PDB file of N, CA and C in Angstrom:
ATOM      1  N   MET A   1     -29.515  79.499 -18.858  1.00  0.00           N
ATOM      2  CA  MET A   1     -28.070  79.199 -18.824  1.00  0.00           C
ATOM      3  C   MET A   1     -27.274  80.425 -19.264  1.00  0.00           C
ATOM      4  N   THR A   2     -26.275  80.759 -18.505  1.00  0.00           N
ATOM      5  CA  THR A   2     -25.466  81.929 -18.837  1.00  0.00           C
ATOM      6  C   THR A   2     -24.382  81.569 -19.842  1.00  0.00           C
ATOM      7  N   LYS A   3     -24.285  82.393 -20.877  1.00  0.00           N
ATOM      8  CA  LYS A   3     -23.270  82.131 -21.903  1.00  0.00           C
ATOM      9  C   LYS A   3     -21.908  82.645 -21.448  1.00  0.00           C
ATOM     10  N   ASP A   4     -20.879  81.858 -21.696  1.00  0.00           N
ATOM     11  CA  ASP A   4     -19.530  82.277 -21.343  1.00  0.00           C
ATOM     12  C   ASP A   4     -19.075  83.408 -22.246  1.00  0.00           C
ATOM     13  N   ALA A   5     -18.158  84.240 -21.747  1.00  0.00           N
ATOM     14  CA  ALA A   5     -17.683  85.388 -22.511  1.00  0.00           C
ATOM     15  C   ALA A   5     -16.940  84.946 -23.770  1.00  0.00           C
ATOM     16  N   GLY A   6     -16.339  83.764 -23.715  1.00  0.00           N
ATOM     17  CA  GLY A   6     -15.558  83.282 -24.855  1.00  0.00           C
ATOM     18  C   GLY A   6     -16.388  82.494 -25.846  1.00  0.00           C
ATOM     19  N   THR A   7     -17.697  82.473 -25.631  1.00  0.00           N
ATOM     20  CA  THR A   7     -18.569  81.693 -26.508  1.00  0.00           C
ATOM     21  C   THR A   7     -19.219  82.578 -27.558  1.00  0.00           C
ATOM     22  N   PRO A   8     -19.158  82.171 -28.825  1.00  0.00           N
ATOM     23  CA  PRO A   8     -19.810  82.916 -29.905  1.00  0.00           C
ATOM     24  C   PRO A   8     -21.330  82.750 -29.847  1.00  0.00           C
ATOM     25  N   GLY A   9     -22.042  83.136 -30.883  1.00  0.00           N
ATOM     26  CA  GLY A   9     -23.497  83.109 -30.874  1.00  0.00           C
ATOM     27  C   GLY A   9     -24.090  81.727 -30.994  1.00  0.00           C
ATOM     28  N   THR A  10     -23.355  80.706 -30.623  1.00  0.00           N
ATOM     29  CA  THR A  10     -23.875  79.344 -30.686  1.00  0.00           C
ATOM     30  C   THR A  10     -24.429  78.955 -29.325  1.00  0.00           C
ATOM     31  N   GLY A  11     -25.734  78.977 -29.181  1.00  0.00           N
ATOM     32  CA  GLY A  11     -26.371  78.712 -27.891  1.00  0.00           C
ATOM     33  C   GLY A  11     -26.089  77.318 -27.380  1.00  0.00           C
ATOM     34  N   SER A  12     -25.946  76.350 -28.287  1.00  0.00           N
ATOM     35  CA  SER A  12     -25.763  74.965 -27.879  1.00  0.00           C
ATOM     36  C   SER A  12     -24.367  74.721 -27.314  1.00  0.00           C
ATOM     37  N   GLU A  13     -23.465  75.639 -27.581  1.00  0.00           N
ATOM     38  CA  GLU A  13     -22.082  75.467 -27.126  1.00  0.00           C
ATOM     39  C   GLU A  13     -21.817  76.257 -25.841  1.00  0.00           C
ATOM     40  N   SER A  14     -22.865  76.851 -25.276  1.00  0.00           N
ATOM     41  CA  SER A  14     -22.678  77.752 -24.145  1.00  0.00           C
ATOM     42  C   SER A  14     -22.211  77.031 -22.884  1.00  0.00           C
ATOM     43  N   GLU A  15     -22.372  75.728 -22.840  1.00  0.00           N
ATOM     44  CA  GLU A  15     -21.969  74.980 -21.650  1.00  0.00           C
ATOM     45  C   GLU A  15     -20.482  74.657 -21.664  1.00  0.00           C
ATOM     46  N   LYS A  16     -19.862  74.785 -22.840  1.00  0.00           N
ATOM     47  CA  LYS A  16     -18.448  74.455 -22.954  1.00  0.00           C
ATOM     48  C   LYS A  16     -17.645  75.708 -23.283  1.00  0.00           C
ATOM     49  N   PRO A  17     -16.373  75.758 -22.891  1.00  0.00           N
ATOM     50  CA  PRO A  17     -15.500  76.864 -23.298  1.00  0.00           C
ATOM     51  C   PRO A  17     -15.324  76.854 -24.806  1.00  0.00           C
ATOM     52  N   TYR A  18     -15.114  78.020 -25.374  1.00  0.00           N
ATOM     53  CA  TYR A  18     -15.038  78.117 -26.834  1.00  0.00           C
ATOM     54  C   TYR A  18     -13.785  77.447 -27.372  1.00  0.00           C
ATOM     55  N   ASP A  19     -13.990  76.395 -28.168  1.00  0.00           N
ATOM     56  CA  ASP A  19     -12.873  75.695 -28.796  1.00  0.00           C
ATOM     57  C   ASP A  19     -13.137  75.588 -30.295  1.00  0.00           C
ATOM     58  N   PRO A  20     -12.453  76.417 -31.091  1.00  0.00           N
ATOM     59  CA  PRO A  20     -12.684  76.446 -32.542  1.00  0.00           C
ATOM     60  C   PRO A  20     -12.475  75.093 -33.201  1.00  0.00           C
ATOM     61  N   ALA A  21     -11.646  74.259 -32.608  1.00  0.00           N
ATOM     62  CA  ALA A  21     -11.369  72.940 -33.183  1.00  0.00           C
ATOM     63  C   ALA A  21     -12.562  72.001 -32.991  1.00  0.00           C
ATOM     64  N   GLU A  22     -13.426  72.327 -32.027  1.00  0.00           N
ATOM     65  CA  GLU A  22     -14.575  71.467 -31.758  1.00  0.00           C
ATOM     66  C   GLU A  22     -15.886  72.133 -32.150  1.00  0.00           C
ATOM     67  N   ASP A  23     -15.810  73.349 -32.694  1.00  0.00           N
ATOM     68  CA  ASP A  23     -17.005  74.090 -33.064  1.00  0.00           C
ATOM     69  C   ASP A  23     -17.160  74.156 -34.579  1.00  0.00           C
ATOM     70  N   PRO A  24     -18.026  73.296 -35.142  1.00  0.00           N
ATOM     71  CA  PRO A  24     -18.216  73.236 -36.597  1.00  0.00           C
ATOM     72  C   PRO A  24     -18.844  74.511 -37.151  1.00  0.00           C
ATOM     73  N   ASP A  25     -19.436  75.328 -36.274  1.00  0.00           N
ATOM     74  CA  ASP A  25     -20.093  76.548 -36.736  1.00  0.00           C
ATOM     75  C   ASP A  25     -19.146  77.739 -36.777  1.00  0.00           C
ATOM     76  N   SER A  26     -17.920  77.552 -36.271  1.00  0.00           N
ATOM     77  CA  SER A  26     -16.986  78.668 -36.276  1.00  0.00           C
ATOM     78  C   SER A  26     -16.377  78.858 -37.662  1.00  0.00           C
ATOM     79  N   ASP A  27     -15.623  79.921 -37.820  1.00  0.00           N
ATOM     80  CA  ASP A  27     -15.035  80.241 -39.120  1.00  0.00           C
ATOM     81  C   ASP A  27     -14.080  79.150 -39.582  1.00  0.00           C
ATOM     82  N   PRO A  28     -14.247  78.651 -40.810  1.00  0.00           N
ATOM     83  CA  PRO A  28     -13.336  77.642 -41.366  1.00  0.00           C
ATOM     84  C   PRO A  28     -11.901  78.175 -41.413  1.00  0.00           C
ATOM     85  N   GLU A  29     -11.754  79.499 -41.518  1.00  0.00           N
ATOM     86  CA  GLU A  29     -10.438  80.126 -41.570  1.00  0.00           C
ATOM     87  C   GLU A  29      -9.705  79.933 -40.243  1.00  0.00           C
ATOM     88  N   ASN A  30     -10.470  79.786 -39.167  1.00  0.00           N
ATOM     89  CA  ASN A  30      -9.878  79.620 -37.849  1.00  0.00           C
ATOM     90  C   ASN A  30      -9.660  78.155 -37.501  1.00  0.00           C
ATOM     91  N   LEU A  31     -10.247  77.263 -38.302  1.00  0.00           N
ATOM     92  CA  LEU A  31     -10.117  75.835 -38.014  1.00  0.00           C
ATOM     93  C   LEU A  31      -8.937  75.247 -38.776  1.00  0.00           C
ATOM     94  N   LEU A  32      -7.741  75.521 -38.286  1.00  0.00           N
ATOM     95  CA  LEU A  32      -6.552  75.025 -38.966  1.00  0.00           C
ATOM     96  C   LEU A  32      -6.069  73.743 -38.307  1.00  0.00           C
ATOM     97  N   SER A  33      -7.007  73.003 -37.708  1.00  0.00           N
ATOM     98  CA  SER A  33      -6.641  71.781 -36.991  1.00  0.00           C
ATOM     99  C   SER A  33      -6.464  70.596 -37.936  1.00  0.00           C
ATOM    100  N   GLY A  34      -6.772  70.798 -39.213  1.00  0.00           N
ATOM    101  CA  GLY A  34      -6.580  69.727 -40.181  1.00  0.00           C
ATOM    102  C   GLY A  34      -7.888  69.114 -40.641  1.00  0.00           C
ATOM    103  N   THR A  35      -8.991  69.540 -40.037  1.00  0.00           N
ATOM    104  CA  THR A  35     -10.295  69.028 -40.460  1.00  0.00           C
ATOM    105  C   THR A  35     -10.700  69.648 -41.783  1.00  0.00           C
ATOM    106  N   HIS A  36     -11.269  68.826 -42.663  1.00  0.00           N
ATOM    107  CA  HIS A  36     -11.654  69.321 -43.986  1.00  0.00           C
ATOM    108  C   HIS A  36     -13.015  70.001 -43.917  1.00  0.00           C
ATOM    109  N   GLN A  37     -13.024  71.299 -44.154  1.00  0.00           N
ATOM    110  CA  GLN A  37     -14.267  72.054 -44.121  1.00  0.00           C
ATOM    111  C   GLN A  37     -14.883  72.152 -45.509  1.00  0.00           C
ATOM    112  N   PRO A  38     -16.211  72.005 -45.605  1.00  0.00           N
ATOM    113  CA  PRO A  38     -16.909  72.078 -46.891  1.00  0.00           C
ATOM    114  C   PRO A  38     -16.699  73.426 -47.577  1.00  0.00           C
ATOM    115  N   ASP A  39     -16.503  74.478 -46.796  1.00  0.00           N
ATOM    116  CA  ASP A  39     -16.286  75.809 -47.361  1.00  0.00           C
ATOM    117  C   ASP A  39     -14.981  75.867 -48.149  1.00  0.00           C
ATOM    118  N   GLN A  40     -14.014  75.054 -47.748  1.00  0.00           N
ATOM    119  CA  GLN A  40     -12.717  75.090 -48.406  1.00  0.00           C
ATOM    120  C   GLN A  40     -12.700  74.235 -49.668  1.00  0.00           C
ATOM    121  N   ALA A  41     -13.761  73.458 -49.863  1.00  0.00           N
ATOM    122  CA  ALA A  41     -13.824  72.587 -51.031  1.00  0.00           C
ATOM    123  C   ALA A  41     -14.368  73.340 -52.246  1.00  0.00           C
ATOM    124  N   GLU A  42     -14.685  74.611 -52.042  1.00  0.00           N
ATOM    125  CA  GLU A  42     -15.295  75.401 -53.105  1.00  0.00           C
ATOM    126  C   GLU A  42     -14.271  76.039 -54.031  1.00  0.00           C
ATOM    127  N   GLY A  43     -13.025  75.583 -54.002  1.00  0.00           N
ATOM    128  CA  GLY A  43     -12.043  76.158 -54.913  1.00  0.00           C
ATOM    129  C   GLY A  43     -10.651  76.172 -54.302  1.00  0.00           C
ATOM    130  N   GLU A  44     -10.585  76.135 -52.968  1.00  0.00           N
ATOM    131  CA  GLU A  44      -9.287  76.153 -52.310  1.00  0.00           C
ATOM    132  C   GLU A  44      -8.896  74.749 -51.867  1.00  0.00           C
ATOM    133  N   ASP A  45      -9.430  73.755 -52.562  1.00  0.00           N
ATOM    134  CA  ASP A  45      -9.179  72.358 -52.211  1.00  0.00           C
ATOM    135  C   ASP A  45      -7.713  71.991 -52.404  1.00  0.00           C
ATOM    136  N   ASP A  46      -7.020  72.784 -53.239  1.00  0.00           N
ATOM    137  CA  ASP A  46      -5.598  72.537 -53.473  1.00  0.00           C
ATOM    138  C   ASP A  46      -4.769  72.899 -52.247  1.00  0.00           C
ATOM    139  N   ASP A  47      -5.299  73.815 -51.440  1.00  0.00           N
ATOM    140  CA  ASP A  47      -4.561  74.307 -50.290  1.00  0.00           C
ATOM    141  C   ASP A  47      -5.199  73.807 -48.998  1.00  0.00           C
ATOM    142  N   PRO A  48      -4.588  72.825 -48.331  1.00  0.00           N
ATOM    143  CA  PRO A  48      -5.148  72.236 -47.113  1.00  0.00           C
ATOM    144  C   PRO A  48      -5.250  73.230 -45.964  1.00  0.00           C
ATOM    145  N   THR A  49      -4.519  74.334 -46.059  1.00  0.00           N
ATOM    146  CA  THR A  49      -4.596  75.342 -45.018  1.00  0.00           C
ATOM    147  C   THR A  49      -5.622  76.380 -45.421  1.00  0.00           C
TER     148      THR A  49
END
């Protein structure tokens, strides 16, 4: 399967266009869709963004 140019190193996501809001493996800093990321619970829990 050929990986799309917009797809990061996630092989399982290669069939879909890269959507940071639907990619749990992408950077939490880029996921500003409102989903609570475990990485942000490590001290920045006060700041939802």
